[in-house]
């Protein structure tokens, strides 16, 4: 049985750290940094028979803006539609229904997010970023 929960106490921080420390978008994140990101975000865990198999988090003000980050399904469970279940839970979460602008970055999962109405930026020339290494 698959369930999605926003209860942070159910999250397996060690599982998150093991996966996230090696992925291309944030390689090297420490266990403490993973905990800080969880503490500072609206989080979703996806569970198969109570075992966590995936995760995503949203940084938001609950009205104007939400940024989706750290979306993943454990490699052993991919290809079964679990990412669709996870993203559907996120975009239908009652506490996030007032949010007007949702953003995310992806290198390889455009097909997933497009199912939920995500598309390329309308005005990318207006976007800026600051990266500190």
N, C-alpha and C. Protein backbone atom coordinates (compact mmCIF):
# COMPACT_ATOMS: atom_id res chain seq x y z
N UNK A 1 0.84 -1.19 0.00
CA UNK A 1 0.00 0.00 0.00
C UNK A 1 0.88 1.25 0.00
N UNK A 2 0.58 2.17 -0.89
CA UNK A 2 1.33 3.42 -1.01
C UNK A 2 0.58 4.52 -0.26
N UNK A 3 1.32 5.29 0.54
CA UNK A 3 0.75 6.45 1.20
C UNK A 3 1.71 7.62 1.04
N UNK A 4 1.16 8.82 1.08
CA UNK A 4 1.95 10.05 1.07
C UNK A 4 1.59 10.81 2.33
N UNK A 5 2.60 11.31 3.02
CA UNK A 5 2.37 12.01 4.27
C UNK A 5 3.19 13.30 4.32
N UNK A 6 2.63 14.31 4.98
CA UNK A 6 3.36 15.54 5.24
C UNK A 6 3.85 15.60 6.68
N UNK A 7 3.72 14.51 7.40
CA UNK A 7 4.17 14.43 8.79
C UNK A 7 5.69 14.27 8.82
N UNK A 8 6.38 15.33 9.21
CA UNK A 8 7.84 15.31 9.22
C UNK A 8 8.41 14.28 10.19
N UNK A 9 7.66 13.93 11.21
CA UNK A 9 8.17 12.95 12.17
C UNK A 9 8.30 11.56 11.55
N UNK A 10 7.63 11.32 10.45
CA UNK A 10 7.72 10.03 9.77
C UNK A 10 8.93 9.95 8.83
N UNK A 11 9.52 11.10 8.48
CA UNK A 11 10.63 11.12 7.52
C UNK A 11 11.85 10.41 8.08
N UNK A 12 12.49 9.64 7.24
CA UNK A 12 13.73 8.94 7.58
C UNK A 12 14.89 9.81 7.09
N UNK A 13 15.40 10.67 7.97
CA UNK A 13 16.44 11.63 7.60
C UNK A 13 17.69 10.93 7.09
N UNK A 14 18.05 9.81 7.66
CA UNK A 14 19.22 9.05 7.17
C UNK A 14 19.00 8.59 5.74
N UNK A 15 17.82 8.09 5.43
CA UNK A 15 17.47 7.68 4.07
C UNK A 15 17.60 8.87 3.12
N UNK A 16 17.06 10.02 3.53
CA UNK A 16 17.16 11.22 2.69
C UNK A 16 18.61 11.60 2.45
N UNK A 17 19.40 11.59 3.51
CA UNK A 17 20.80 11.97 3.39
C UNK A 17 21.56 11.02 2.48
N UNK A 18 21.36 9.74 2.63
CA UNK A 18 22.06 8.76 1.80
C UNK A 18 21.76 8.99 0.33
N UNK A 19 20.49 9.27 0.00
CA UNK A 19 20.15 9.51 -1.39
C UNK A 19 20.67 10.88 -1.85
N UNK A 20 20.38 11.91 -1.09
CA UNK A 20 20.66 13.27 -1.54
C UNK A 20 22.15 13.62 -1.56
N UNK A 21 22.96 12.95 -0.78
CA UNK A 21 24.38 13.33 -0.74
C UNK A 21 25.11 13.07 -2.05
N UNK A 22 24.53 12.23 -2.91
CA UNK A 22 25.21 11.88 -4.16
C UNK A 22 24.52 12.36 -5.43
N UNK A 23 23.34 12.98 -5.35
CA UNK A 23 22.66 13.39 -6.57
C UNK A 23 23.28 14.66 -7.14
N UNK A 24 23.18 14.79 -8.45
CA UNK A 24 23.87 15.86 -9.15
C UNK A 24 23.51 17.26 -8.70
N UNK A 25 22.28 17.48 -8.24
CA UNK A 25 21.88 18.86 -7.95
C UNK A 25 22.34 19.35 -6.58
N UNK A 26 22.75 18.44 -5.68
CA UNK A 26 23.20 18.90 -4.37
C UNK A 26 24.23 17.98 -3.73
N UNK A 27 25.04 17.39 -4.54
CA UNK A 27 26.03 16.44 -4.02
C UNK A 27 26.81 17.05 -2.85
N UNK A 28 26.99 16.25 -1.83
CA UNK A 28 27.79 16.68 -0.69
C UNK A 28 27.02 17.27 0.47
N UNK A 29 25.71 17.33 0.39
CA UNK A 29 24.92 17.88 1.50
C UNK A 29 25.10 17.00 2.73
N UNK A 30 25.39 17.62 3.86
CA UNK A 30 25.61 16.87 5.09
C UNK A 30 24.27 16.46 5.72
N UNK A 31 24.35 15.54 6.66
CA UNK A 31 23.15 15.12 7.39
C UNK A 31 22.50 16.31 8.09
N UNK A 32 23.31 17.17 8.68
CA UNK A 32 22.80 18.35 9.36
C UNK A 32 22.12 19.30 8.38
N UNK A 33 22.69 19.45 7.19
CA UNK A 33 22.08 20.31 6.18
C UNK A 33 20.75 19.72 5.68
N UNK A 34 20.70 18.42 5.54
CA UNK A 34 19.44 17.77 5.16
C UNK A 34 18.38 18.05 6.22
N UNK A 35 18.74 17.92 7.48
CA UNK A 35 17.79 18.19 8.56
C UNK A 35 17.31 19.65 8.52
N UNK A 36 18.22 20.58 8.28
CA UNK A 36 17.86 21.99 8.20
C UNK A 36 16.88 22.24 7.05
N UNK A 37 17.12 21.62 5.89
CA UNK A 37 16.21 21.81 4.76
C UNK A 37 14.83 21.24 5.07
N UNK A 38 14.78 20.12 5.75
CA UNK A 38 13.49 19.52 6.15
C UNK A 38 12.77 20.45 7.13
N UNK A 39 13.50 20.93 8.12
CA UNK A 39 12.90 21.80 9.13
C UNK A 39 12.34 23.09 8.52
N UNK A 40 12.92 23.54 7.41
CA UNK A 40 12.55 24.82 6.81
C UNK A 40 11.58 24.70 5.64
N UNK A 41 11.06 23.52 5.38
CA UNK A 41 10.24 23.29 4.20
C UNK A 41 8.95 22.54 4.52
N UNK A 42 8.02 22.58 3.58
CA UNK A 42 6.82 21.76 3.63
C UNK A 42 7.20 20.47 2.92
N UNK A 43 7.21 19.36 3.63
CA UNK A 43 7.77 18.11 3.10
C UNK A 43 6.71 17.04 2.86
N UNK A 44 7.00 16.20 1.88
CA UNK A 44 6.16 15.07 1.53
C UNK A 44 7.03 13.82 1.48
N UNK A 45 6.64 12.82 2.24
CA UNK A 45 7.28 11.51 2.14
C UNK A 45 6.31 10.55 1.48
N UNK A 46 6.84 9.66 0.65
CA UNK A 46 5.99 8.62 0.07
C UNK A 46 6.47 7.29 0.60
N UNK A 47 5.51 6.45 1.01
CA UNK A 47 5.82 5.23 1.75
C UNK A 47 5.13 4.03 1.10
N UNK A 48 5.86 2.93 1.04
CA UNK A 48 5.33 1.65 0.59
C UNK A 48 5.35 0.74 1.80
N UNK A 49 4.18 0.37 2.28
CA UNK A 49 4.07 -0.45 3.50
C UNK A 49 4.88 0.16 4.64
N UNK A 50 4.73 1.45 4.84
CA UNK A 50 5.39 2.20 5.93
C UNK A 50 6.88 2.44 5.72
N UNK A 51 7.47 1.94 4.63
CA UNK A 51 8.89 2.18 4.34
C UNK A 51 8.98 3.36 3.38
N UNK A 52 9.80 4.36 3.74
CA UNK A 52 9.93 5.52 2.89
C UNK A 52 10.68 5.15 1.62
N UNK A 53 10.08 5.53 0.46
CA UNK A 53 10.69 5.23 -0.83
C UNK A 53 10.93 6.49 -1.66
N UNK A 54 10.49 7.64 -1.16
CA UNK A 54 10.69 8.87 -1.90
C UNK A 54 10.38 10.09 -1.07
N UNK A 55 10.56 11.26 -1.71
CA UNK A 55 10.50 12.51 -0.96
C UNK A 55 10.39 13.68 -1.93
N UNK A 56 9.78 14.75 -1.48
CA UNK A 56 9.92 16.05 -2.11
C UNK A 56 9.62 17.11 -1.06
N UNK A 57 10.10 18.31 -1.33
CA UNK A 57 9.84 19.39 -0.39
C UNK A 57 9.50 20.66 -1.15
N UNK A 58 8.76 21.54 -0.48
CA UNK A 58 8.32 22.79 -1.08
C UNK A 58 8.70 23.92 -0.14
N UNK A 59 9.33 24.93 -0.71
CA UNK A 59 9.60 26.17 0.03
C UNK A 59 8.51 27.14 -0.41
N UNK A 60 7.77 27.69 0.54
CA UNK A 60 6.61 28.49 0.16
C UNK A 60 6.24 29.54 1.20
N UNK A 61 5.49 30.53 0.72
CA UNK A 61 4.85 31.49 1.63
C UNK A 61 3.35 31.19 1.74
N UNK A 62 2.90 30.11 1.10
CA UNK A 62 1.53 29.60 1.15
C UNK A 62 0.49 30.44 0.42
N UNK A 63 0.91 31.55 -0.21
CA UNK A 63 -0.04 32.38 -0.94
C UNK A 63 0.47 32.71 -2.34
N UNK A 64 1.65 33.27 -2.44
CA UNK A 64 2.14 33.78 -3.71
C UNK A 64 3.05 32.79 -4.43
N UNK A 65 3.97 32.15 -3.71
CA UNK A 65 5.06 31.45 -4.38
C UNK A 65 5.40 30.12 -3.70
N UNK A 66 5.75 29.14 -4.53
CA UNK A 66 6.23 27.85 -4.03
C UNK A 66 7.33 27.36 -4.95
N UNK A 67 8.39 26.84 -4.37
CA UNK A 67 9.49 26.27 -5.13
C UNK A 67 9.67 24.81 -4.72
N UNK A 68 9.60 23.93 -5.69
CA UNK A 68 9.68 22.49 -5.46
C UNK A 68 11.14 22.05 -5.55
N UNK A 69 11.56 21.24 -4.56
CA UNK A 69 12.96 20.81 -4.51
C UNK A 69 13.10 19.36 -4.07
N UNK A 70 14.24 18.79 -4.38
CA UNK A 70 14.68 17.48 -3.87
C UNK A 70 13.66 16.37 -4.10
N UNK A 71 13.09 16.34 -5.28
CA UNK A 71 12.10 15.31 -5.61
C UNK A 71 12.84 14.04 -6.03
N UNK A 72 12.50 12.93 -5.37
CA UNK A 72 13.09 11.67 -5.81
C UNK A 72 12.28 10.47 -5.34
N UNK A 73 12.43 9.40 -6.09
CA UNK A 73 11.94 8.07 -5.72
C UNK A 73 13.18 7.18 -5.70
N UNK A 74 13.33 6.38 -4.66
CA UNK A 74 14.45 5.44 -4.57
C UNK A 74 14.53 4.63 -5.87
N UNK A 75 15.75 4.45 -6.36
CA UNK A 75 15.97 3.77 -7.64
C UNK A 75 15.28 2.41 -7.73
N UNK A 76 15.18 1.69 -6.63
CA UNK A 76 14.57 0.35 -6.63
C UNK A 76 13.07 0.40 -6.92
N UNK A 77 12.45 1.58 -6.79
CA UNK A 77 11.00 1.68 -6.91
C UNK A 77 10.55 2.55 -8.09
N UNK A 78 11.47 2.92 -8.95
CA UNK A 78 11.13 3.77 -10.09
C UNK A 78 10.39 2.97 -11.16
N UNK A 79 9.65 3.70 -11.99
CA UNK A 79 8.94 3.08 -13.10
C UNK A 79 7.61 2.47 -12.72
N UNK A 80 7.12 2.77 -11.54
CA UNK A 80 5.86 2.21 -11.06
C UNK A 80 4.78 3.28 -10.84
N UNK A 81 5.07 4.52 -11.25
CA UNK A 81 4.09 5.60 -11.10
C UNK A 81 4.12 6.30 -9.76
N UNK A 82 5.08 5.96 -8.91
CA UNK A 82 5.12 6.56 -7.58
C UNK A 82 5.43 8.06 -7.61
N UNK A 83 6.23 8.50 -8.57
CA UNK A 83 6.53 9.94 -8.65
C UNK A 83 5.26 10.72 -9.01
N UNK A 84 4.42 10.15 -9.85
CA UNK A 84 3.16 10.79 -10.19
C UNK A 84 2.26 10.90 -8.96
N UNK A 85 2.22 9.86 -8.16
CA UNK A 85 1.44 9.88 -6.91
C UNK A 85 1.97 10.97 -5.98
N UNK A 86 3.29 11.06 -5.86
CA UNK A 86 3.92 12.05 -4.98
C UNK A 86 3.63 13.48 -5.44
N UNK A 87 3.82 13.76 -6.72
CA UNK A 87 3.59 15.11 -7.23
C UNK A 87 2.11 15.47 -7.17
N UNK A 88 1.24 14.51 -7.44
CA UNK A 88 -0.20 14.77 -7.32
C UNK A 88 -0.56 15.15 -5.89
N UNK A 89 0.00 14.45 -4.91
CA UNK A 89 -0.26 14.79 -3.50
C UNK A 89 0.22 16.20 -3.20
N UNK A 90 1.35 16.58 -3.76
CA UNK A 90 1.90 17.91 -3.52
C UNK A 90 1.00 18.99 -4.11
N UNK A 91 0.62 18.85 -5.38
CA UNK A 91 -0.16 19.93 -6.01
C UNK A 91 -1.61 19.97 -5.55
N UNK A 92 -2.09 18.92 -4.92
CA UNK A 92 -3.46 18.92 -4.40
C UNK A 92 -3.52 19.12 -2.89
N UNK A 93 -2.37 19.31 -2.26
CA UNK A 93 -2.32 19.53 -0.81
C UNK A 93 -3.17 20.75 -0.44
N UNK A 94 -4.16 20.59 0.43
CA UNK A 94 -5.05 21.71 0.79
C UNK A 94 -4.31 22.96 1.27
N UNK A 95 -3.24 22.81 2.02
CA UNK A 95 -2.52 23.97 2.55
C UNK A 95 -1.80 24.77 1.47
N UNK A 96 -1.68 24.21 0.27
CA UNK A 96 -0.95 24.88 -0.81
C UNK A 96 -1.86 25.37 -1.93
N UNK A 97 -3.16 25.31 -1.73
CA UNK A 97 -4.09 25.65 -2.81
C UNK A 97 -4.17 27.13 -3.15
N UNK A 98 -3.72 28.01 -2.28
CA UNK A 98 -3.73 29.44 -2.59
C UNK A 98 -2.51 29.88 -3.40
N UNK A 99 -1.49 29.05 -3.46
CA UNK A 99 -0.25 29.44 -4.13
C UNK A 99 -0.51 29.73 -5.61
N UNK A 100 -0.05 30.88 -6.06
CA UNK A 100 -0.27 31.33 -7.44
C UNK A 100 0.86 30.93 -8.39
N UNK A 101 2.09 30.96 -7.92
CA UNK A 101 3.24 30.68 -8.78
C UNK A 101 4.03 29.53 -8.19
N UNK A 102 4.19 28.48 -8.99
CA UNK A 102 5.00 27.32 -8.62
C UNK A 102 6.19 27.26 -9.57
N UNK A 103 7.36 26.99 -9.02
CA UNK A 103 8.55 26.85 -9.86
C UNK A 103 9.35 25.64 -9.41
N UNK A 104 10.17 25.16 -10.32
CA UNK A 104 11.11 24.08 -10.03
C UNK A 104 12.16 24.07 -11.12
N UNK A 105 13.21 23.31 -10.89
CA UNK A 105 14.25 23.10 -11.90
C UNK A 105 14.42 21.60 -12.08
N UNK A 106 14.56 21.17 -13.32
CA UNK A 106 14.78 19.76 -13.61
C UNK A 106 15.64 19.62 -14.86
N UNK A 107 16.47 18.63 -14.87
CA UNK A 107 17.28 18.33 -16.05
C UNK A 107 16.66 17.21 -16.88
N UNK A 108 15.85 16.36 -16.24
CA UNK A 108 15.44 15.15 -16.94
C UNK A 108 14.02 14.67 -16.65
N UNK A 109 13.20 15.45 -15.97
CA UNK A 109 11.86 14.97 -15.62
C UNK A 109 10.76 15.92 -16.10
N UNK A 110 10.99 16.61 -17.18
CA UNK A 110 9.98 17.54 -17.71
C UNK A 110 8.65 16.83 -17.94
N UNK A 111 8.70 15.62 -18.47
CA UNK A 111 7.49 14.84 -18.77
C UNK A 111 6.62 14.65 -17.53
N UNK A 112 7.24 14.47 -16.38
CA UNK A 112 6.48 14.28 -15.14
C UNK A 112 5.76 15.57 -14.75
N UNK A 113 6.47 16.66 -14.70
CA UNK A 113 5.90 17.92 -14.23
C UNK A 113 4.89 18.51 -15.22
N UNK A 114 5.10 18.27 -16.51
CA UNK A 114 4.16 18.77 -17.51
C UNK A 114 2.76 18.19 -17.30
N UNK A 115 2.67 16.97 -16.78
CA UNK A 115 1.36 16.36 -16.48
C UNK A 115 0.57 17.17 -15.47
N UNK A 116 1.27 17.99 -14.68
CA UNK A 116 0.64 18.77 -13.62
C UNK A 116 0.61 20.27 -13.94
N UNK A 117 0.83 20.61 -15.20
CA UNK A 117 0.70 22.00 -15.64
C UNK A 117 1.96 22.82 -15.60
N UNK A 118 3.08 22.25 -15.23
CA UNK A 118 4.34 22.99 -15.26
C UNK A 118 4.79 23.15 -16.71
N UNK A 119 5.41 24.28 -17.02
CA UNK A 119 5.93 24.54 -18.36
C UNK A 119 7.13 25.47 -18.24
N UNK A 120 7.78 25.72 -19.35
CA UNK A 120 8.92 26.64 -19.34
C UNK A 120 8.50 28.02 -18.87
N UNK A 121 9.46 28.77 -18.38
CA UNK A 121 9.17 30.12 -17.87
C UNK A 121 8.59 31.01 -18.97
N UNK A 122 7.59 31.79 -18.61
CA UNK A 122 6.97 32.72 -19.56
C UNK A 122 7.95 33.83 -19.91
N UNK A 123 8.70 34.31 -18.94
CA UNK A 123 9.66 35.40 -19.16
C UNK A 123 11.00 35.04 -18.54
N UNK A 124 11.74 34.10 -19.11
CA UNK A 124 13.02 33.72 -18.51
C UNK A 124 14.02 34.87 -18.43
N UNK A 125 13.86 35.86 -19.29
CA UNK A 125 14.77 37.00 -19.28
C UNK A 125 14.62 37.85 -18.01
N UNK A 126 13.53 37.65 -17.28
CA UNK A 126 13.33 38.39 -16.04
C UNK A 126 13.91 37.68 -14.82
N UNK A 127 14.27 36.42 -14.99
CA UNK A 127 14.78 35.62 -13.87
C UNK A 127 16.26 35.86 -13.67
N UNK A 128 16.66 35.87 -12.43
CA UNK A 128 18.07 36.02 -12.06
C UNK A 128 18.37 35.03 -10.95
N UNK A 129 19.63 34.77 -10.77
CA UNK A 129 20.05 33.91 -9.67
C UNK A 129 21.40 34.36 -9.15
N UNK A 130 21.67 33.94 -7.95
CA UNK A 130 22.97 34.17 -7.31
C UNK A 130 23.42 32.84 -6.74
N UNK A 131 24.57 32.36 -7.15
CA UNK A 131 25.07 31.07 -6.71
C UNK A 131 26.37 31.30 -5.95
N UNK A 132 26.43 30.77 -4.74
CA UNK A 132 27.62 30.87 -3.91
C UNK A 132 28.21 29.47 -3.80
N UNK A 133 29.45 29.34 -4.18
CA UNK A 133 30.10 28.02 -4.14
C UNK A 133 31.07 27.92 -2.99
